[in-house]
């Protein structure tokens, strides 16, 4: 048996959430993304730097090495590279 559905009730869930302001603010979304990429950079800093070292010599390689040196240093200093290795070992 079909229900009587009003045209207003067939709106997209996104539209209804937007009207109710039930979504996440842009500021909170940006903060969450920033935290995610910082943590990912720290966990992968040493490996990203090693991948940059394998690039062909040239200006692009130098830029990558300079940009990733702080992430590598922080990763090694905090032991995050060992934490990543432990997580990889659990996955295998």
PDB file of N, CA and C in Angstrom:
ATOM      1  N   UNK A   1       0.838  -1.161   0.000  1.00  0.00           N
ATOM      2  CA  UNK A   1       0.000   0.000   0.000  1.00  0.00           C
ATOM      3  C   UNK A   1       0.896   1.242   0.000  1.00  0.00           C
ATOM      4  N   UNK A   2       0.638   2.133  -0.903  1.00  0.00           N
ATOM      5  CA  UNK A   2       1.451   3.343  -1.028  1.00  0.00           C
ATOM      6  C   UNK A   2       1.033   4.373   0.012  1.00  0.00           C
ATOM      7  N   UNK A   3       2.026   5.049   0.528  1.00  0.00           N
ATOM      8  CA  UNK A   3       1.757   6.108   1.496  1.00  0.00           C
ATOM      9  C   UNK A   3       1.556   7.414   0.758  1.00  0.00           C
ATOM     10  N   UNK A   4       0.768   8.278   1.360  1.00  0.00           N
ATOM     11  CA  UNK A   4       0.606   9.610   0.798  1.00  0.00           C
ATOM     12  C   UNK A   4       1.812  10.442   1.205  1.00  0.00           C
ATOM     13  N   UNK A   5       2.628  10.799   0.227  1.00  0.00           N
ATOM     14  CA  UNK A   5       3.845  11.562   0.484  1.00  0.00           C
ATOM     15  C   UNK A   5       3.672  12.946  -0.097  1.00  0.00           C
ATOM     16  N   UNK A   6       3.884  13.916   0.732  1.00  0.00           N
ATOM     17  CA  UNK A   6       3.799  15.295   0.261  1.00  0.00           C
ATOM     18  C   UNK A   6       5.050  15.622  -0.546  1.00  0.00           C
ATOM     19  N   UNK A   7       4.934  16.500  -1.535  1.00  0.00           N
ATOM     20  CA  UNK A   7       6.109  16.855  -2.339  1.00  0.00           C
ATOM     21  C   UNK A   7       7.255  17.415  -1.499  1.00  0.00           C
ATOM     22  N   UNK A   8       6.961  18.136  -0.409  1.00  0.00           N
ATOM     23  CA  UNK A   8       8.023  18.707   0.419  1.00  0.00           C
ATOM     24  C   UNK A   8       8.821  17.630   1.144  1.00  0.00           C
ATOM     25  N   UNK A   9       8.217  16.463   1.397  1.00  0.00           N
ATOM     26  CA  UNK A   9       8.898  15.399   2.125  1.00  0.00           C
ATOM     27  C   UNK A   9       9.857  14.608   1.239  1.00  0.00           C
ATOM     28  N   UNK A  10       9.857  14.862  -0.040  1.00  0.00           N
ATOM     29  CA  UNK A  10      10.733  14.136  -0.950  1.00  0.00           C
ATOM     30  C   UNK A  10      12.017  14.903  -1.248  1.00  0.00           C
ATOM     31  N   UNK A  11      12.323  15.887  -0.427  1.00  0.00           N
ATOM     32  CA  UNK A  11      13.547  16.646  -0.644  1.00  0.00           C
ATOM     33  C   UNK A  11      14.774  15.803  -0.311  1.00  0.00           C
ATOM     34  N   UNK A  12      15.879  16.202  -0.816  1.00  0.00           N
ATOM     35  CA  UNK A  12      17.148  15.544  -0.558  1.00  0.00           C
ATOM     36  C   UNK A  12      17.518  15.693   0.919  1.00  0.00           C
ATOM     37  N   UNK A  13      18.138  14.662   1.479  1.00  0.00           N
ATOM     38  CA  UNK A  13      18.527  14.701   2.884  1.00  0.00           C
ATOM     39  C   UNK A  13      19.519  15.832   3.150  1.00  0.00           C
ATOM     40  N   UNK A  14      20.357  16.118   2.182  1.00  0.00           N
ATOM     41  CA  UNK A  14      21.315  17.215   2.332  1.00  0.00           C
ATOM     42  C   UNK A  14      20.635  18.560   2.461  1.00  0.00           C
ATOM     43  N   UNK A  15      19.563  18.743   1.687  1.00  0.00           N
ATOM     44  CA  UNK A  15      18.809  19.998   1.775  1.00  0.00           C
ATOM     45  C   UNK A  15      18.156  20.145   3.140  1.00  0.00           C
ATOM     46  N   UNK A  16      17.599  19.051   3.642  1.00  0.00           N
ATOM     47  CA  UNK A  16      16.953  19.123   4.955  1.00  0.00           C
ATOM     48  C   UNK A  16      17.968  19.387   6.071  1.00  0.00           C
ATOM     49  N   UNK A  17      19.137  18.757   5.980  1.00  0.00           N
ATOM     50  CA  UNK A  17      20.173  18.989   6.996  1.00  0.00           C
ATOM     51  C   UNK A  17      20.691  20.417   6.922  1.00  0.00           C
ATOM     52  N   UNK A  18      20.801  20.967   5.722  1.00  0.00           N
ATOM     53  CA  UNK A  18      21.270  22.338   5.567  1.00  0.00           C
ATOM     54  C   UNK A  18      20.277  23.323   6.164  1.00  0.00           C
ATOM     55  N   UNK A  19      18.997  23.084   5.938  1.00  0.00           N
ATOM     56  CA  UNK A  19      17.974  23.962   6.501  1.00  0.00           C
ATOM     57  C   UNK A  19      17.973  23.906   8.027  1.00  0.00           C
ATOM     58  N   UNK A  20      18.229  22.725   8.568  1.00  0.00           N
ATOM     59  CA  UNK A  20      18.242  22.562  10.021  1.00  0.00           C
ATOM     60  C   UNK A  20      19.596  22.940  10.613  1.00  0.00           C
ATOM     61  N   UNK A  21      20.535  23.311   9.765  1.00  0.00           N
ATOM     62  CA  UNK A  21      21.911  23.629  10.160  1.00  0.00           C
ATOM     63  C   UNK A  21      22.506  22.492  10.979  1.00  0.00           C
ATOM     64  N   UNK A  22      22.317  21.274  10.494  1.00  0.00           N
ATOM     65  CA  UNK A  22      22.795  20.081  11.178  1.00  0.00           C
ATOM     66  C   UNK A  22      24.153  19.621  10.671  1.00  0.00           C
ATOM     67  N   UNK A  23      24.711  20.320   9.716  1.00  0.00           N
ATOM     68  CA  UNK A  23      25.993  19.924   9.165  1.00  0.00           C
ATOM     69  C   UNK A  23      27.157  20.448   9.984  1.00  0.00           C
ATOM     70  N   UNK A  24      28.345  20.217   9.501  1.00  0.00           N
ATOM     71  CA  UNK A  24      29.571  20.671  10.144  1.00  0.00           C
ATOM     72  C   UNK A  24      29.970  22.000   9.522  1.00  0.00           C
ATOM     73  N   UNK A  25      30.433  22.910  10.358  1.00  0.00           N
ATOM     74  CA  UNK A  25      30.839  24.210   9.837  1.00  0.00           C
ATOM     75  C   UNK A  25      32.121  24.078   9.025  1.00  0.00           C
ATOM     76  N   UNK A  26      32.328  25.006   8.140  1.00  0.00           N
ATOM     77  CA  UNK A  26      33.520  25.003   7.300  1.00  0.00           C
ATOM     78  C   UNK A  26      34.786  25.122   8.143  1.00  0.00           C
ATOM     79  N   UNK A  27      34.737  25.880   9.205  1.00  0.00           N
ATOM     80  CA  UNK A  27      35.896  26.050  10.092  1.00  0.00           C
ATOM     81  C   UNK A  27      36.267  24.721  10.757  1.00  0.00           C
ATOM     82  N   UNK A  28      35.264  23.987  11.241  1.00  0.00           N
ATOM     83  CA  UNK A  28      35.540  22.689  11.867  1.00  0.00           C
ATOM     84  C   UNK A  28      36.077  21.694  10.846  1.00  0.00           C
ATOM     85  N   UNK A  29      35.548  21.726   9.649  1.00  0.00           N
ATOM     86  CA  UNK A  29      36.018  20.837   8.588  1.00  0.00           C
ATOM     87  C   UNK A  29      37.467  21.144   8.245  1.00  0.00           C
ATOM     88  N   UNK A  30      37.795  22.422   8.095  1.00  0.00           N
ATOM     89  CA  UNK A  30      39.167  22.814   7.772  1.00  0.00           C
ATOM     90  C   UNK A  30      40.122  22.422   8.898  1.00  0.00           C
ATOM     91  N   UNK A  31      39.710  22.599  10.143  1.00  0.00           N
ATOM     92  CA  UNK A  31      40.555  22.220  11.278  1.00  0.00           C
ATOM     93  C   UNK A  31      40.796  20.713  11.301  1.00  0.00           C
ATOM     94  N   UNK A  32      39.759  19.934  11.029  1.00  0.00           N
ATOM     95  CA  UNK A  32      39.901  18.478  11.014  1.00  0.00           C
ATOM     96  C   UNK A  32      40.842  18.029   9.901  1.00  0.00           C
ATOM     97  N   UNK A  33      40.726  18.639   8.736  1.00  0.00           N
ATOM     98  CA  UNK A  33      41.625  18.299   7.628  1.00  0.00           C
ATOM     99  C   UNK A  33      43.065  18.674   7.939  1.00  0.00           C
ATOM    100  N   UNK A  34      43.258  19.828   8.559  1.00  0.00           N
ATOM    101  CA  UNK A  34      44.604  20.256   8.937  1.00  0.00           C
ATOM    102  C   UNK A  34      45.226  19.272   9.918  1.00  0.00           C
ATOM    103  N   UNK A  35      44.473  18.870  10.925  1.00  0.00           N
ATOM    104  CA  UNK A  35      44.980  17.897  11.895  1.00  0.00           C
ATOM    105  C   UNK A  35      45.291  16.571  11.205  1.00  0.00           C
ATOM    106  N   UNK A  36      44.419  16.130  10.333  1.00  0.00           N
ATOM    107  CA  UNK A  36      44.646  14.871   9.619  1.00  0.00           C
ATOM    108  C   UNK A  36      45.956  14.911   8.834  1.00  0.00           C
ATOM    109  N   UNK A  37      46.164  15.966   8.061  1.00  0.00           N
ATOM    110  CA  UNK A  37      47.369  16.039   7.236  1.00  0.00           C
ATOM    111  C   UNK A  37      48.626  16.238   8.071  1.00  0.00           C
ATOM    112  N   UNK A  38      48.540  16.930   9.194  1.00  0.00           N
ATOM    113  CA  UNK A  38      49.702  17.057  10.081  1.00  0.00           C
ATOM    114  C   UNK A  38      50.083  15.704  10.673  1.00  0.00           C
ATOM    115  N   UNK A  39      49.103  14.969  11.148  1.00  0.00           N
ATOM    116  CA  UNK A  39      49.383  13.648  11.708  1.00  0.00           C
ATOM    117  C   UNK A  39      49.920  12.706  10.628  1.00  0.00           C
ATOM    118  N   UNK A  40      49.326  12.736   9.445  1.00  0.00           N
ATOM    119  CA  UNK A  40      49.814  11.896   8.346  1.00  0.00           C
ATOM    120  C   UNK A  40      51.240  12.279   7.964  1.00  0.00           C
ATOM    121  N   UNK A  41      51.544  13.571   7.950  1.00  0.00           N
ATOM    122  CA  UNK A  41      52.896  14.015   7.631  1.00  0.00           C
ATOM    123  C   UNK A  41      53.913  13.580   8.666  1.00  0.00           C
ATOM    124  N   UNK A  42      53.510  13.607   9.938  1.00  0.00           N
ATOM    125  CA  UNK A  42      54.430  13.172  10.994  1.00  0.00           C
ATOM    126  C   UNK A  42      54.636  11.661  10.943  1.00  0.00           C
ATOM    127  N   UNK A  43      53.558  10.912  10.771  1.00  0.00           N
ATOM    128  CA  UNK A  43      53.687   9.453  10.716  1.00  0.00           C
ATOM    129  C   UNK A  43      54.502   8.995   9.506  1.00  0.00           C
ATOM    130  N   UNK A  44      54.376   9.694   8.395  1.00  0.00           N
ATOM    131  CA  UNK A  44      55.033   9.270   7.157  1.00  0.00           C
ATOM    132  C   UNK A  44      56.243  10.117   6.793  1.00  0.00           C
ATOM    133  N   UNK A  45      56.671  11.007   7.664  1.00  0.00           N
ATOM    134  CA  UNK A  45      57.739  11.951   7.343  1.00  0.00           C
ATOM    135  C   UNK A  45      59.017  11.308   6.842  1.00  0.00           C
ATOM    136  N   UNK A  46      59.491  10.311   7.568  1.00  0.00           N
ATOM    137  CA  UNK A  46      60.757   9.661   7.175  1.00  0.00           C
ATOM    138  C   UNK A  46      60.606   8.964   5.826  1.00  0.00           C
ATOM    139  N   UNK A  47      59.485   8.288   5.618  1.00  0.00           N
ATOM    140  CA  UNK A  47      59.287   7.562   4.365  1.00  0.00           C
ATOM    141  C   UNK A  47      59.084   8.513   3.180  1.00  0.00           C
ATOM    142  N   UNK A  48      58.411   9.612   3.403  1.00  0.00           N
ATOM    143  CA  UNK A  48      58.262  10.607   2.340  1.00  0.00           C
ATOM    144  C   UNK A  48      59.616  11.195   1.958  1.00  0.00           C
ATOM    145  N   UNK A  49      60.451  11.452   2.965  1.00  0.00           N
ATOM    146  CA  UNK A  49      61.787  12.004   2.701  1.00  0.00           C
ATOM    147  C   UNK A  49      62.636  10.989   1.918  1.00  0.00           C
ATOM    148  N   UNK A  50      62.557   9.717   2.318  1.00  0.00           N
ATOM    149  CA  UNK A  50      63.318   8.687   1.603  1.00  0.00           C
ATOM    150  C   UNK A  50      62.840   8.541   0.162  1.00  0.00           C
ATOM    151  N   UNK A  51      61.550   8.683  -0.061  1.00  0.00           N
ATOM    152  CA  UNK A  51      61.030   8.628  -1.436  1.00  0.00           C
ATOM    153  C   UNK A  51      61.532   9.819  -2.244  1.00  0.00           C
ATOM    154  N   UNK A  52      61.632  10.983  -1.607  1.00  0.00           N
ATOM    155  CA  UNK A  52      62.141  12.170  -2.301  1.00  0.00           C
ATOM    156  C   UNK A  52      63.624  11.999  -2.630  1.00  0.00           C
ATOM    157  N   UNK A  53      64.357  11.303  -1.781  1.00  0.00           N
ATOM    158  CA  UNK A  53      65.781  11.063  -2.050  1.00  0.00           C
ATOM    159  C   UNK A  53      65.981  10.192  -3.282  1.00  0.00           C
ATOM    160  N   UNK A  54      65.029   9.370  -3.602  1.00  0.00           N
ATOM    161  CA  UNK A  54      65.143   8.487  -4.772  1.00  0.00           C
ATOM    162  C   UNK A  54      64.759   9.165  -6.078  1.00  0.00           C
ATOM    163  N   UNK A  55      64.272  10.389  -5.994  1.00  0.00           N
ATOM    164  CA  UNK A  55      63.923  11.125  -7.223  1.00  0.00           C
ATOM    165  C   UNK A  55      65.196  11.475  -7.999  1.00  0.00           C
ATOM    166  N   UNK A  56      65.073  11.718  -9.288  1.00  0.00           N
ATOM    167  CA  UNK A  56      66.247  12.127 -10.078  1.00  0.00           C
ATOM    168  C   UNK A  56      66.785  13.468  -9.568  1.00  0.00           C
ATOM    169  N   UNK A  57      68.098  13.613  -9.647  1.00  0.00           N
ATOM    170  CA  UNK A  57      68.717  14.856  -9.198  1.00  0.00           C
ATOM    171  C   UNK A  57      68.184  16.037 -10.001  1.00  0.00           C
ATOM    172  N   UNK A  58      68.036  17.135  -9.320  1.00  0.00           N
ATOM    173  CA  UNK A  58      67.555  18.339  -9.969  1.00  0.00           C
ATOM    174  C   UNK A  58      66.844  19.245  -8.985  1.00  0.00           C
ATOM    175  N   UNK A  59      66.289  20.296  -9.525  1.00  0.00           N
ATOM    176  CA  UNK A  59      65.647  21.321  -8.697  1.00  0.00           C
ATOM    177  C   UNK A  59      64.415  20.799  -7.955  1.00  0.00           C
ATOM    178  N   UNK A  60      63.606  19.977  -8.625  1.00  0.00           N
ATOM    179  CA  UNK A  60      62.392  19.438  -8.003  1.00  0.00           C
ATOM    180  C   UNK A  60      62.751  18.569  -6.806  1.00  0.00           C
ATOM    181  N   UNK A  61      63.778  17.748  -6.961  1.00  0.00           N
ATOM    182  CA  UNK A  61      64.231  16.900  -5.853  1.00  0.00           C
ATOM    183  C   UNK A  61      64.691  17.751  -4.683  1.00  0.00           C
ATOM    184  N   UNK A  62      65.448  18.788  -4.959  1.00  0.00           N
ATOM    185  CA  UNK A  62      65.931  19.672  -3.897  1.00  0.00           C
ATOM    186  C   UNK A  62      64.776  20.345  -3.154  1.00  0.00           C
ATOM    187  N   UNK A  63      63.758  20.742  -3.887  1.00  0.00           N
ATOM    188  CA  UNK A  63      62.592  21.379  -3.257  1.00  0.00           C
ATOM    189  C   UNK A  63      61.873  20.383  -2.346  1.00  0.00           C
ATOM    190  N   UNK A  64      61.668  19.166  -2.834  1.00  0.00           N
ATOM    191  CA  UNK A  64      60.999  18.148  -2.024  1.00  0.00           C
ATOM    192  C   UNK A  64      61.810  17.829  -0.772  1.00  0.00           C
ATOM    193  N   UNK A  65      63.113  17.683  -0.917  1.00  0.00           N
ATOM    194  CA  UNK A  65      63.955  17.383   0.246  1.00  0.00           C
ATOM    195  C   UNK A  65      63.902  18.514   1.269  1.00  0.00           C
ATOM    196  N   UNK A  66      63.935  19.744   0.803  1.00  0.00           N
ATOM    197  CA  UNK A  66      63.876  20.886   1.720  1.00  0.00           C
ATOM    198  C   UNK A  66      62.514  20.966   2.410  1.00  0.00           C
ATOM    199  N   UNK A  67      61.456  20.669   1.684  1.00  0.00           N
ATOM    200  CA  UNK A  67      60.109  20.748   2.257  1.00  0.00           C
ATOM    201  C   UNK A  67      59.850  19.616   3.248  1.00  0.00           C
ATOM    202  N   UNK A  68      60.428  18.444   2.996  1.00  0.00           N
ATOM    203  CA  UNK A  68      60.151  17.283   3.840  1.00  0.00           C
ATOM    204  C   UNK A  68      61.145  17.091   4.981  1.00  0.00           C
ATOM    205  N   UNK A  69      62.229  17.848   4.994  1.00  0.00           N
ATOM    206  CA  UNK A  69      63.222  17.691   6.068  1.00  0.00           C
ATOM    207  C   UNK A  69      62.622  17.926   7.456  1.00  0.00           C
ATOM    208  N   UNK A  70      61.809  18.971   7.671  1.00  0.00           N
ATOM    209  CA  UNK A  70      61.220  19.140   9.010  1.00  0.00           C
ATOM    210  C   UNK A  70      60.282  17.993   9.397  1.00  0.00           C
ATOM    211  N   UNK A  71      59.507  17.478   8.453  1.00  0.00           N
ATOM    212  CA  UNK A  71      58.602  16.360   8.753  1.00  0.00           C
ATOM    213  C   UNK A  71      59.399  15.122   9.122  1.00  0.00           C
ATOM    214  N   UNK A  72      60.500  14.897   8.422  1.00  0.00           N
ATOM    215  CA  UNK A  72      61.356  13.744   8.728  1.00  0.00           C
ATOM    216  C   UNK A  72      61.966  13.880  10.109  1.00  0.00           C
ATOM    217  N   UNK A  73      62.483  15.067  10.418  1.00  0.00           N
ATOM    218  CA  UNK A  73      63.107  15.290  11.722  1.00  0.00           C
ATOM    219  C   UNK A  73      62.095  15.097  12.852  1.00  0.00           C
ATOM    220  N   UNK A  74      60.919  15.630  12.684  1.00  0.00           N
ATOM    221  CA  UNK A  74      59.881  15.507  13.700  1.00  0.00           C
ATOM    222  C   UNK A  74      59.434  14.057  13.848  1.00  0.00           C
ATOM    223  N   UNK A  75      59.304  13.359  12.743  1.00  0.00           N
ATOM    224  CA  UNK A  75      58.892  11.963  12.767  1.00  0.00           C
ATOM    225  C   UNK A  75      59.901  11.104  13.524  1.00  0.00           C
ATOM    226  N   UNK A  76      61.170  11.326  13.257  1.00  0.00           N
ATOM    227  CA  UNK A  76      62.222  10.552  13.924  1.00  0.00           C
ATOM    228  C   UNK A  76      62.325  10.948  15.394  1.00  0.00           C
ATOM    229  N   UNK A  77      62.248  12.244  15.689  1.00  0.00           N
ATOM    230  CA  UNK A  77      62.368  12.713  17.068  1.00  0.00           C
ATOM    231  C   UNK A  77      61.232  12.205  17.954  1.00  0.00           C
ATOM    232  N   UNK A  78      60.020  12.145  17.420  1.00  0.00           N
ATOM    233  CA  UNK A  78      58.868  11.682  18.194  1.00  0.00           C
ATOM    234  C   UNK A  78      58.712  10.162  18.181  1.00  0.00           C
ATOM    235  N   UNK A  79      59.476   9.497  17.329  1.00  0.00           N
ATOM    236  CA  UNK A  79      59.349   8.046  17.213  1.00  0.00           C
ATOM    237  C   UNK A  79      58.142   7.629  16.400  1.00  0.00           C
ATOM    238  N   UNK A  80      57.573   8.557  15.665  1.00  0.00           N
ATOM    239  CA  UNK A  80      56.382   8.248  14.867  1.00  0.00           C
ATOM    240  C   UNK A  80      56.699   7.273  13.751  1.00  0.00           C
ATOM    241  N   UNK A  81      57.934   7.288  13.263  1.00  0.00           N
ATOM    242  CA  UNK A  81      58.304   6.339  12.215  1.00  0.00           C
ATOM    243  C   UNK A  81      58.286   4.912  12.755  1.00  0.00           C
ATOM    244  N   UNK A  82      58.659   4.728  14.017  1.00  0.00           N
ATOM    245  CA  UNK A  82      58.598   3.392  14.629  1.00  0.00           C
ATOM    246  C   UNK A  82      57.144   2.976  14.857  1.00  0.00           C
ATOM    247  N   UNK A  83      56.294   3.945  15.213  1.00  0.00           N
ATOM    248  CA  UNK A  83      54.866   3.657  15.385  1.00  0.00           C
ATOM    249  C   UNK A  83      54.261   3.210  14.060  1.00  0.00           C
ATOM    250  N   UNK A  84      54.648   3.878  12.979  1.00  0.00           N
ATOM    251  CA  UNK A  84      54.141   3.483  11.664  1.00  0.00           C
ATOM    252  C   UNK A  84      54.616   2.077  11.310  1.00  0.00           C
ATOM    253  N   UNK A  85      55.890   1.771  11.625  1.00  0.00           N
ATOM    254  CA  UNK A  85      56.411   0.438  11.343  1.00  0.00           C
ATOM    255  C   UNK A  85      55.646  -0.626  12.130  1.00  0.00           C
ATOM    256  N   UNK A  86      55.280  -0.301  13.377  1.00  0.00           N
ATOM    257  CA  UNK A  86      54.513  -1.230  14.190  1.00  0.00           C
ATOM    258  C   UNK A  86      53.130  -1.474  13.570  1.00  0.00           C
ATOM    259  N   UNK A  87      52.495  -0.406  13.093  1.00  0.00           N
ATOM    260  CA  UNK A  87      51.188  -0.549  12.453  1.00  0.00           C
ATOM    261  C   UNK A  87      51.283  -1.371  11.171  1.00  0.00           C
ATOM    262  N   UNK A  88      52.353  -1.167  10.401  1.00  0.00           N
ATOM    263  CA  UNK A  88      52.541  -1.965   9.185  1.00  0.00           C
ATOM    264  C   UNK A  88      52.740  -3.434   9.515  1.00  0.00           C
ATOM    265  N   UNK A  89      53.457  -3.690  10.611  1.00  0.00           N
ATOM    266  CA  UNK A  89      53.705  -5.078  11.018  1.00  0.00           C
ATOM    267  C   UNK A  89      52.390  -5.744  11.432  1.00  0.00           C
ATOM    268  N   UNK A  90      51.508  -5.020  12.092  1.00  0.00           N
ATOM    269  CA  UNK A  90      50.210  -5.564  12.477  1.00  0.00           C
ATOM    270  C   UNK A  90      49.351  -5.892  11.267  1.00  0.00           C
ATOM    271  N   UNK A  91      49.493  -5.083  10.228  1.00  0.00           N
ATOM    272  CA  UNK A  91      48.691  -5.277   9.020  1.00  0.00           C
ATOM    273  C   UNK A  91      49.100  -6.544   8.272  1.00  0.00           C
ATOM    274  N   UNK A  92      50.385  -6.885   8.348  1.00  0.00           N
ATOM    275  CA  UNK A  92      50.894  -8.065   7.605  1.00  0.00           C
ATOM    276  C   UNK A  92      50.544  -9.341   8.261  1.00  0.00           C
TER     277      UNK A  92
END
